[in-house]
């Protein structure tokens, strides 16, 4: 079989082999065993399996016993379709991309060879990650990189495709039109907004408007999403963690970015 996807995890095995986790175009996660995947050898062959690289992978026919009967598929040949060229040279951007992978690995569904052909139910997840990496790399080349802006947009797009996007239209308690309200407040544990008549807390109207703008804006126009900040981005991340029962401290890369 032939698979295409983004490298989101890898583990060295033995002297030169690799076990690689790839987010497929279908939005599922596949695991591959790559003989000689670490590169090296007498010809000093480079490894093509870098984080964020888009790969095309051919696998061997699955056997009836041993390792090939598990989720770990053995690679027969492979090629790199695309790779980020600037991310690796910027420490904050590199750890931001690592945070993307960490987040994805908290919920993504694993592919098993017995599944055969996959539906495209989760392809939106792949689209979010691939766009996030491409435009992150592009922003570095253009010197317009802002970590909180990229993470804000990534989280909003991801929450939408996961089906847990906060309702930005009506109060979770009374149903009032939020844009007609004097103010709103974001409830992390609810993942929703309330009007200030129902919950008298800090006004998060700007946050709501930035979520709406990020949801409506294509990645190539991300420069139109203004005013993002660390506090609001952390609220989105806290909501994701609350929904998937993840502790913020478990997202190691986040502590290295901000």
C-alpha atoms as a PDB file:
ATOM      1  CA  UNK A   1       0.000   0.000   0.000  1.00  0.00           C
ATOM      2  CA  UNK A   2       0.983   3.624  -0.458  1.00  0.00           C
ATOM      3  CA  UNK A   3       0.506   6.242   2.258  1.00  0.00           C
ATOM      4  CA  UNK A   4       1.119   9.986   2.390  1.00  0.00           C
ATOM      5  CA  UNK A   5       1.386  11.998   5.558  1.00  0.00           C
ATOM      6  CA  UNK A   6       3.338  14.218   7.936  1.00  0.00           C
ATOM      7  CA  UNK A   7       5.976  12.921  10.344  1.00  0.00           C
ATOM      8  CA  UNK A   8       4.762  13.742  13.881  1.00  0.00           C
ATOM      9  CA  UNK A   9       6.879  11.332  15.898  1.00  0.00           C
ATOM     10  CA  UNK A  10       9.921   9.098  15.581  1.00  0.00           C
ATOM     11  CA  UNK A  11      11.889   6.734  17.802  1.00  0.00           C
ATOM     12  CA  UNK A  12      15.388   5.415  17.002  1.00  0.00           C
ATOM     13  CA  UNK A  13      15.555   1.627  17.087  1.00  0.00           C
ATOM     14  CA  UNK A  14      18.675  -0.520  17.011  1.00  0.00           C
ATOM     15  CA  UNK A  15      21.678   1.042  15.296  1.00  0.00           C
ATOM     16  CA  UNK A  16      20.089   2.644  12.223  1.00  0.00           C
ATOM     17  CA  UNK A  17      16.370   1.846  12.131  1.00  0.00           C
ATOM     18  CA  UNK A  18      13.416   4.090  12.978  1.00  0.00           C
ATOM     19  CA  UNK A  19       9.869   3.691  14.200  1.00  0.00           C
ATOM     20  CA  UNK A  20       7.945   6.604  12.694  1.00  0.00           C
ATOM     21  CA  UNK A  21       4.492   8.010  13.464  1.00  0.00           C
ATOM     22  CA  UNK A  22       2.812   9.681  10.498  1.00  0.00           C
ATOM     23  CA  UNK A  23      -0.403  11.712  10.388  1.00  0.00           C
ATOM     24  CA  UNK A  24      -2.059  10.461   7.214  1.00  0.00           C
ATOM     25  CA  UNK A  25      -4.082  12.570   4.784  1.00  0.00           C
ATOM     26  CA  UNK A  26      -7.153  10.764   6.113  1.00  0.00           C
ATOM     27  CA  UNK A  27      -6.470  12.185   9.594  1.00  0.00           C
ATOM     28  CA  UNK A  28      -5.526   8.815  11.085  1.00  0.00           C
ATOM     29  CA  UNK A  29      -2.164   8.042  12.700  1.00  0.00           C
ATOM     30  CA  UNK A  30      -0.037   5.272  11.181  1.00  0.00           C
ATOM     31  CA  UNK A  31       3.140   3.687  12.559  1.00  0.00           C
ATOM     32  CA  UNK A  32       5.944   2.485  10.298  1.00  0.00           C
ATOM     33  CA  UNK A  33       9.150   0.526  10.789  1.00  0.00           C
ATOM     34  CA  UNK A  34      11.902   1.938   8.553  1.00  0.00           C
ATOM     35  CA  UNK A  35      15.058  -0.110   8.070  1.00  0.00           C
ATOM     36  CA  UNK A  36      17.999   2.303   7.878  1.00  0.00           C
ATOM     37  CA  UNK A  37      15.654   5.219   8.577  1.00  0.00           C
ATOM     38  CA  UNK A  38      18.201   6.993  10.790  1.00  0.00           C
ATOM     39  CA  UNK A  39      20.556   7.374   7.858  1.00  0.00           C
ATOM     40  CA  UNK A  40      24.297   7.079   8.304  1.00  0.00           C
ATOM     41  CA  UNK A  41      26.248   4.064   7.171  1.00  0.00           C
ATOM     42  CA  UNK A  42      29.385   4.064   5.063  1.00  0.00           C
ATOM     43  CA  UNK A  43      27.776   6.436   2.566  1.00  0.00           C
ATOM     44  CA  UNK A  44      26.654   8.829   5.340  1.00  0.00           C
ATOM     45  CA  UNK A  45      23.112   8.729   4.023  1.00  0.00           C
ATOM     46  CA  UNK A  46      20.888  11.495   5.546  1.00  0.00           C
ATOM     47  CA  UNK A  47      17.598  10.701   7.238  1.00  0.00           C
ATOM     48  CA  UNK A  48      14.568  12.002   5.360  1.00  0.00           C
ATOM     49  CA  UNK A  49      12.196  11.446   8.285  1.00  0.00           C
ATOM     50  CA  UNK A  50      12.431  14.885   9.892  1.00  0.00           C
ATOM     51  CA  UNK A  51       9.594  16.262  12.009  1.00  0.00           C
ATOM     52  CA  UNK A  52       7.049  18.032   9.819  1.00  0.00           C
ATOM     53  CA  UNK A  53       8.209  16.428   6.585  1.00  0.00           C
ATOM     54  CA  UNK A  54       5.553  15.276   4.146  1.00  0.00           C
ATOM     55  CA  UNK A  55       6.343  11.701   3.108  1.00  0.00           C
ATOM     56  CA  UNK A  56       5.120   9.192   0.537  1.00  0.00           C
ATOM     57  CA  UNK A  57       5.574   5.696   1.963  1.00  0.00           C
ATOM     58  CA  UNK A  58       5.260   2.288   0.304  1.00  0.00           C
ATOM     59  CA  UNK A  59       4.774  -0.671   2.645  1.00  0.00           C
ATOM     60  CA  UNK A  60       5.490  -4.363   2.287  1.00  0.00           C
ATOM     61  CA  UNK A  61       2.666  -6.851   2.040  1.00  0.00           C
ATOM     62  CA  UNK A  62       1.394  -7.672   5.515  1.00  0.00           C
ATOM     63  CA  UNK A  63       2.307 -11.134   6.734  1.00  0.00           C
ATOM     64  CA  UNK A  64       0.226 -13.443   8.874  1.00  0.00           C
ATOM     65  CA  UNK A  65       2.480 -13.446  11.914  1.00  0.00           C
ATOM     66  CA  UNK A  66       5.029 -11.409  13.820  1.00  0.00           C
ATOM     67  CA  UNK A  67       5.456  -7.657  13.650  1.00  0.00           C
ATOM     68  CA  UNK A  68       3.590  -7.235  10.358  1.00  0.00           C
ATOM     69  CA  UNK A  69       0.324  -8.346  11.950  1.00  0.00           C
ATOM     70  CA  UNK A  70       0.353  -5.363  14.305  1.00  0.00           C
ATOM     71  CA  UNK A  71      -0.249  -1.671  13.659  1.00  0.00           C
ATOM     72  CA  UNK A  72       3.473  -1.319  12.864  1.00  0.00           C
ATOM     73  CA  UNK A  73       3.874  -1.566   9.083  1.00  0.00           C
ATOM     74  CA  UNK A  74       7.225  -2.239   7.434  1.00  0.00           C
ATOM     75  CA  UNK A  75       8.388   0.266   4.819  1.00  0.00           C
ATOM     76  CA  UNK A  76       9.704  -0.945   1.475  1.00  0.00           C
ATOM     77  CA  UNK A  77      10.495   2.459  -0.052  1.00  0.00           C
ATOM     78  CA  UNK A  78       9.830   6.123   0.643  1.00  0.00           C
ATOM     79  CA  UNK A  79      10.343   9.644  -0.615  1.00  0.00           C
ATOM     80  CA  UNK A  80      10.016  13.113   0.864  1.00  0.00           C
ATOM     81  CA  UNK A  81       7.419  15.297  -0.860  1.00  0.00           C
ATOM     82  CA  UNK A  82       7.890  18.479   1.178  1.00  0.00           C
ATOM     83  CA  UNK A  83       9.942  19.632   4.144  1.00  0.00           C
ATOM     84  CA  UNK A  84       9.992  22.822   6.240  1.00  0.00           C
ATOM     85  CA  UNK A  85      13.194  24.739   5.563  1.00  0.00           C
ATOM     86  CA  UNK A  86      13.078  27.540   8.151  1.00  0.00           C
ATOM     87  CA  UNK A  87      11.403  26.027  11.234  1.00  0.00           C
ATOM     88  CA  UNK A  88      14.470  24.103  12.371  1.00  0.00           C
ATOM     89  CA  UNK A  89      16.521  27.310  12.491  1.00  0.00           C
ATOM     90  CA  UNK A  90      14.171  29.123  14.899  1.00  0.00           C
ATOM     91  CA  UNK A  91      13.986  27.628  18.400  1.00  0.00           C
ATOM     92  CA  UNK A  92      10.549  29.047  19.287  1.00  0.00           C
ATOM     93  CA  UNK A  93       9.042  28.021  15.947  1.00  0.00           C
ATOM     94  CA  UNK A  94      10.531  24.529  16.245  1.00  0.00           C
ATOM     95  CA  UNK A  95       9.003  23.994  19.678  1.00  0.00           C
ATOM     96  CA  UNK A  96       5.702  25.418  18.438  1.00  0.00           C
ATOM     97  CA  UNK A  97       5.639  22.778  15.712  1.00  0.00           C
ATOM     98  CA  UNK A  98       6.468  20.159  18.363  1.00  0.00           C
ATOM     99  CA  UNK A  99       3.488  21.428  20.383  1.00  0.00           C
ATOM    100  CA  UNK A 100       1.277  20.849  17.338  1.00  0.00           C
ATOM    101  CA  UNK A 101       2.444  17.213  17.247  1.00  0.00           C
ATOM    102  CA  UNK A 102       1.943  16.777  20.990  1.00  0.00           C
ATOM    103  CA  UNK A 103      -1.605  18.094  20.758  1.00  0.00           C
ATOM    104  CA  UNK A 104      -2.457  15.855  17.802  1.00  0.00           C
ATOM    105  CA  UNK A 105      -1.104  12.746  19.533  1.00  0.00           C
ATOM    106  CA  UNK A 106      -3.467  13.329  22.477  1.00  0.00           C
ATOM    107  CA  UNK A 107      -6.572  12.408  20.477  1.00  0.00           C
ATOM    108  CA  UNK A 108      -5.756  11.100  16.988  1.00  0.00           C
ATOM    109  CA  UNK A 109      -7.150   7.676  16.034  1.00  0.00           C
ATOM    110  CA  UNK A 110      -4.617   4.985  15.063  1.00  0.00           C
ATOM    111  CA  UNK A 111      -4.767   3.249  11.703  1.00  0.00           C
ATOM    112  CA  UNK A 112      -4.541  -0.539  11.587  1.00  0.00           C
ATOM    113  CA  UNK A 113      -3.652  -2.448   8.388  1.00  0.00           C
ATOM    114  CA  UNK A 114      -6.824  -4.527   8.764  1.00  0.00           C
ATOM    115  CA  UNK A 115      -8.894  -1.351   8.273  1.00  0.00           C
ATOM    116  CA  UNK A 116      -8.143  -1.373   4.549  1.00  0.00           C
ATOM    117  CA  UNK A 117      -9.352   1.738   2.724  1.00  0.00           C
ATOM    118  CA  UNK A 118     -10.001   4.682   5.043  1.00  0.00           C
ATOM    119  CA  UNK A 119     -12.831   7.177   4.890  1.00  0.00           C
ATOM    120  CA  UNK A 120     -12.040  10.882   4.959  1.00  0.00           C
ATOM    121  CA  UNK A 121     -13.974  11.691   8.120  1.00  0.00           C
ATOM    122  CA  UNK A 122     -10.919  13.148   9.856  1.00  0.00           C
ATOM    123  CA  UNK A 123      -9.142  14.729   6.879  1.00  0.00           C
ATOM    124  CA  UNK A 124      -9.817  18.201   8.303  1.00  0.00           C
ATOM    125  CA  UNK A 125      -7.303  17.441  11.066  1.00  0.00           C
ATOM    126  CA  UNK A 126      -4.596  16.751   8.481  1.00  0.00           C
ATOM    127  CA  UNK A 127      -5.510  19.969   6.646  1.00  0.00           C
ATOM    128  CA  UNK A 128      -5.123  22.003   9.845  1.00  0.00           C
ATOM    129  CA  UNK A 129      -1.693  20.538  10.656  1.00  0.00           C
ATOM    130  CA  UNK A 130      -0.331  20.763   7.106  1.00  0.00           C
ATOM    131  CA  UNK A 131      -1.500  24.379   6.708  1.00  0.00           C
ATOM    132  CA  UNK A 132      -0.147  25.289  10.141  1.00  0.00           C
ATOM    133  CA  UNK A 133       3.316  23.950   9.277  1.00  0.00           C
ATOM    134  CA  UNK A 134       3.411  25.412   5.761  1.00  0.00           C
ATOM    135  CA  UNK A 135       2.442  28.935   6.849  1.00  0.00           C
ATOM    136  CA  UNK A 136       4.622  28.762   9.946  1.00  0.00           C
ATOM    137  CA  UNK A 137       7.597  28.030   7.713  1.00  0.00           C
ATOM    138  CA  UNK A 138       6.517  30.762   5.285  1.00  0.00           C
ATOM    139  CA  UNK A 139       6.158  33.362   8.052  1.00  0.00           C
ATOM    140  CA  UNK A 140       9.718  32.704   9.193  1.00  0.00           C
ATOM    141  CA  UNK A 141      11.035  33.291   5.684  1.00  0.00           C
ATOM    142  CA  UNK A 142       9.023  36.547   5.551  1.00  0.00           C
ATOM    143  CA  UNK A 143      10.067  37.537   9.105  1.00  0.00           C
ATOM    144  CA  UNK A 144       6.427  37.892  10.239  1.00  0.00           C
ATOM    145  CA  UNK A 145       6.348  35.047  12.797  1.00  0.00           C
ATOM    146  CA  UNK A 146       4.306  35.582  15.981  1.00  0.00           C
ATOM    147  CA  UNK A 147       3.996  32.435  18.089  1.00  0.00           C
ATOM    148  CA  UNK A 148       0.713  33.286  19.834  1.00  0.00           C
ATOM    149  CA  UNK A 149      -0.931  34.257  16.528  1.00  0.00           C
ATOM    150  CA  UNK A 150      -0.033  30.920  14.935  1.00  0.00           C
ATOM    151  CA  UNK A 151      -1.107  28.896  17.972  1.00  0.00           C
ATOM    152  CA  UNK A 152      -4.387  30.836  18.265  1.00  0.00           C
ATOM    153  CA  UNK A 153      -5.302  30.118  14.646  1.00  0.00           C
ATOM    154  CA  UNK A 154      -4.200  26.473  14.896  1.00  0.00           C
ATOM    155  CA  UNK A 155      -6.331  25.845  17.998  1.00  0.00           C
ATOM    156  CA  UNK A 156      -9.452  27.538  16.606  1.00  0.00           C
ATOM    157  CA  UNK A 157      -9.246  25.564  13.340  1.00  0.00           C
ATOM    158  CA  UNK A 158      -8.563  22.335  15.220  1.00  0.00           C
ATOM    159  CA  UNK A 159     -11.432  22.801  17.688  1.00  0.00           C
ATOM    160  CA  UNK A 160     -13.768  23.367  14.751  1.00  0.00           C
ATOM    161  CA  UNK A 161     -12.725  20.151  12.986  1.00  0.00           C
ATOM    162  CA  UNK A 162     -12.989  18.221  16.245  1.00  0.00           C
ATOM    163  CA  UNK A 163     -16.557  19.433  16.635  1.00  0.00           C
ATOM    164  CA  UNK A 164     -15.944  21.195  19.963  1.00  0.00           C
ATOM    165  CA  UNK A 165     -15.784  24.789  18.757  1.00  0.00           C
ATOM    166  CA  UNK A 166     -17.221  27.211  21.372  1.00  0.00           C
ATOM    167  CA  UNK A 167     -20.590  28.703  20.465  1.00  0.00           C
ATOM    168  CA  UNK A 168     -19.774  32.309  19.600  1.00  0.00           C
ATOM    169  CA  UNK A 169     -23.361  33.282  18.779  1.00  0.00           C
ATOM    170  CA  UNK A 170     -25.533  32.728  21.867  1.00  0.00           C
ATOM    171  CA  UNK A 171     -25.163  32.779  25.657  1.00  0.00           C
ATOM    172  CA  UNK A 172     -24.870  29.247  27.029  1.00  0.00           C
ATOM    173  CA  UNK A 173     -27.345  30.078  29.834  1.00  0.00           C
ATOM    174  CA  UNK A 174     -30.021  32.460  28.554  1.00  0.00           C
ATOM    175  CA  UNK A 175     -29.571  32.205  24.787  1.00  0.00           C
ATOM    176  CA  UNK A 176     -29.028  35.940  24.274  1.00  0.00           C
ATOM    177  CA  UNK A 177     -27.298  37.019  21.061  1.00  0.00           C
ATOM    178  CA  UNK A 178     -23.737  37.556  22.274  1.00  0.00           C
ATOM    179  CA  UNK A 179     -22.944  40.279  19.752  1.00  0.00           C
ATOM    180  CA  UNK A 180     -25.918  42.263  21.028  1.00  0.00           C
ATOM    181  CA  UNK A 181     -24.811  41.840  24.636  1.00  0.00           C
ATOM    182  CA  UNK A 182     -22.922  44.501  26.599  1.00  0.00           C
ATOM    183  CA  UNK A 183     -20.200  41.955  27.263  1.00  0.00           C
ATOM    184  CA  UNK A 184     -19.363  38.240  27.364  1.00  0.00           C
ATOM    185  CA  UNK A 185     -17.242  35.886  29.439  1.00  0.00           C
ATOM    186  CA  UNK A 186     -15.535  32.664  28.340  1.00  0.00           C
ATOM    187  CA  UNK A 187     -16.163  29.631  30.558  1.00  0.00           C
ATOM    188  CA  UNK A 188     -13.253  27.231  30.095  1.00  0.00           C
ATOM    189  CA  UNK A 189     -14.938  24.268  31.795  1.00  0.00           C
ATOM    190  CA  UNK A 190     -18.059  24.745  29.649  1.00  0.00           C
ATOM    191  CA  UNK A 191     -16.206  25.635  26.477  1.00  0.00           C
ATOM    192  CA  UNK A 192     -18.829  28.305  25.884  1.00  0.00           C
ATOM    193  CA  UNK A 193     -19.485  32.014  26.283  1.00  0.00           C
ATOM    194  CA  UNK A 194     -22.035  33.597  28.601  1.00  0.00           C
ATOM    195  CA  UNK A 195     -23.373  37.131  28.652  1.00  0.00           C
ATOM    196  CA  UNK A 196     -22.379  39.305  31.607  1.00  0.00           C
ATOM    197  CA  UNK A 197     -25.976  39.302  32.864  1.00  0.00           C
ATOM    198  CA  UNK A 198     -25.599  35.584  33.621  1.00  0.00           C
ATOM    199  CA  UNK A 199     -21.952  35.592  34.741  1.00  0.00           C
ATOM    200  CA  UNK A 200     -20.498  38.811  36.075  1.00  0.00           C
ATOM    201  CA  UNK A 201     -16.835  38.370  35.241  1.00  0.00           C
ATOM    202  CA  UNK A 202     -14.190  39.933  32.995  1.00  0.00           C
ATOM    203  CA  UNK A 203     -15.440  41.010  29.573  1.00  0.00           C
ATOM    204  CA  UNK A 204     -14.048  38.686  26.874  1.00  0.00           C
ATOM    205  CA  UNK A 205     -15.792  40.299  23.886  1.00  0.00           C
ATOM    206  CA  UNK A 206     -12.468  40.907  22.121  1.00  0.00           C
ATOM    207  CA  UNK A 207     -11.561  37.257  22.599  1.00  0.00           C
ATOM    208  CA  UNK A 208     -14.894  36.153  21.094  1.00  0.00           C
ATOM    209  CA  UNK A 209     -14.412  38.407  18.068  1.00  0.00           C
ATOM    210  CA  UNK A 210     -10.890  37.064  17.510  1.00  0.00           C
ATOM    211  CA  UNK A 211     -12.172  33.480  17.633  1.00  0.00           C
ATOM    212  CA  UNK A 212     -14.838  34.330  15.032  1.00  0.00           C
ATOM    213  CA  UNK A 213     -12.231  36.035  12.857  1.00  0.00           C
ATOM    214  CA  UNK A 214      -9.796  33.105  13.085  1.00  0.00           C
ATOM    215  CA  UNK A 215     -12.562  30.632  12.238  1.00  0.00           C
ATOM    216  CA  UNK A 216     -13.587  32.649   9.160  1.00  0.00           C
ATOM    217  CA  UNK A 217     -10.051  33.377   7.926  1.00  0.00           C
ATOM    218  CA  UNK A 218      -8.129  31.086   5.591  1.00  0.00           C
ATOM    219  CA  UNK A 219      -4.559  30.297   6.572  1.00  0.00           C
ATOM    220  CA  UNK A 220      -3.116  32.232   3.649  1.00  0.00           C
ATOM    221  CA  UNK A 221      -4.848  35.336   5.041  1.00  0.00           C
ATOM    222  CA  UNK A 222      -3.793  34.829   8.650  1.00  0.00           C
ATOM    223  CA  UNK A 223      -2.208  38.294   8.716  1.00  0.00           C
ATOM    224  CA  UNK A 224      -5.795  39.601   8.935  1.00  0.00           C
ATOM    225  CA  UNK A 225      -6.209  38.064  12.408  1.00  0.00           C
ATOM    226  CA  UNK A 226      -5.079  40.925  14.662  1.00  0.00           C
ATOM    227  CA  UNK A 227      -4.787  41.345  18.423  1.00  0.00           C
ATOM    228  CA  UNK A 228      -4.088  37.754  19.456  1.00  0.00           C
ATOM    229  CA  UNK A 229      -2.197  37.429  22.724  1.00  0.00           C
ATOM    230  CA  UNK A 230      -0.745  34.851  25.058  1.00  0.00           C
ATOM    231  CA  UNK A 231      -3.535  35.084  27.670  1.00  0.00           C
ATOM    232  CA  UNK A 232      -6.291  34.293  25.162  1.00  0.00           C
ATOM    233  CA  UNK A 233      -4.283  31.594  23.430  1.00  0.00           C
ATOM    234  CA  UNK A 234      -3.724  29.920  26.791  1.00  0.00           C
ATOM    235  CA  UNK A 235      -7.488  29.956  27.402  1.00  0.00           C
ATOM    236  CA  UNK A 236      -8.021  28.011  24.173  1.00  0.00           C
ATOM    237  CA  UNK A 237      -5.297  25.547  25.105  1.00  0.00           C
ATOM    238  CA  UNK A 238      -6.751  25.125  28.602  1.00  0.00           C
ATOM    239  CA  UNK A 239     -10.148  24.398  27.067  1.00  0.00           C
ATOM    240  CA  UNK A 240      -8.626  21.741  24.789  1.00  0.00           C
ATOM    241  CA  UNK A 241      -6.831  20.169  27.772  1.00  0.00           C
ATOM    242  CA  UNK A 242     -10.004  20.204  29.870  1.00  0.00           C
ATOM    243  CA  UNK A 243     -12.019  18.523  27.117  1.00  0.00           C
ATOM    244  CA  UNK A 244      -9.476  15.751  26.508  1.00  0.00           C
ATOM    245  CA  UNK A 245      -8.446  15.355  30.172  1.00  0.00           C
ATOM    246  CA  UNK A 246      -4.892  16.500  29.506  1.00  0.00           C
ATOM    247  CA  UNK A 247      -2.760  18.400  32.002  1.00  0.00           C
ATOM    248  CA  UNK A 248      -1.003  21.509  30.695  1.00  0.00           C
ATOM    249  CA  UNK A 249       2.255  20.289  32.250  1.00  0.00           C
ATOM    250  CA  UNK A 250       2.038  17.239  29.976  1.00  0.00           C
ATOM    251  CA  UNK A 251       2.502  19.510  26.957  1.00  0.00           C
ATOM    252  CA  UNK A 252       6.267  19.802  27.340  1.00  0.00           C
ATOM    253  CA  UNK A 253       6.837  22.003  24.304  1.00  0.00           C
ATOM    254  CA  UNK A 254       4.492  24.720  25.566  1.00  0.00           C
ATOM    255  CA  UNK A 255       6.770  25.509  28.500  1.00  0.00           C
ATOM    256  CA  UNK A 256       9.649  26.017  26.030  1.00  0.00           C
ATOM    257  CA  UNK A 257       7.755  28.494  23.823  1.00  0.00           C
ATOM    258  CA  UNK A 258       6.246  31.053  26.208  1.00  0.00           C
END
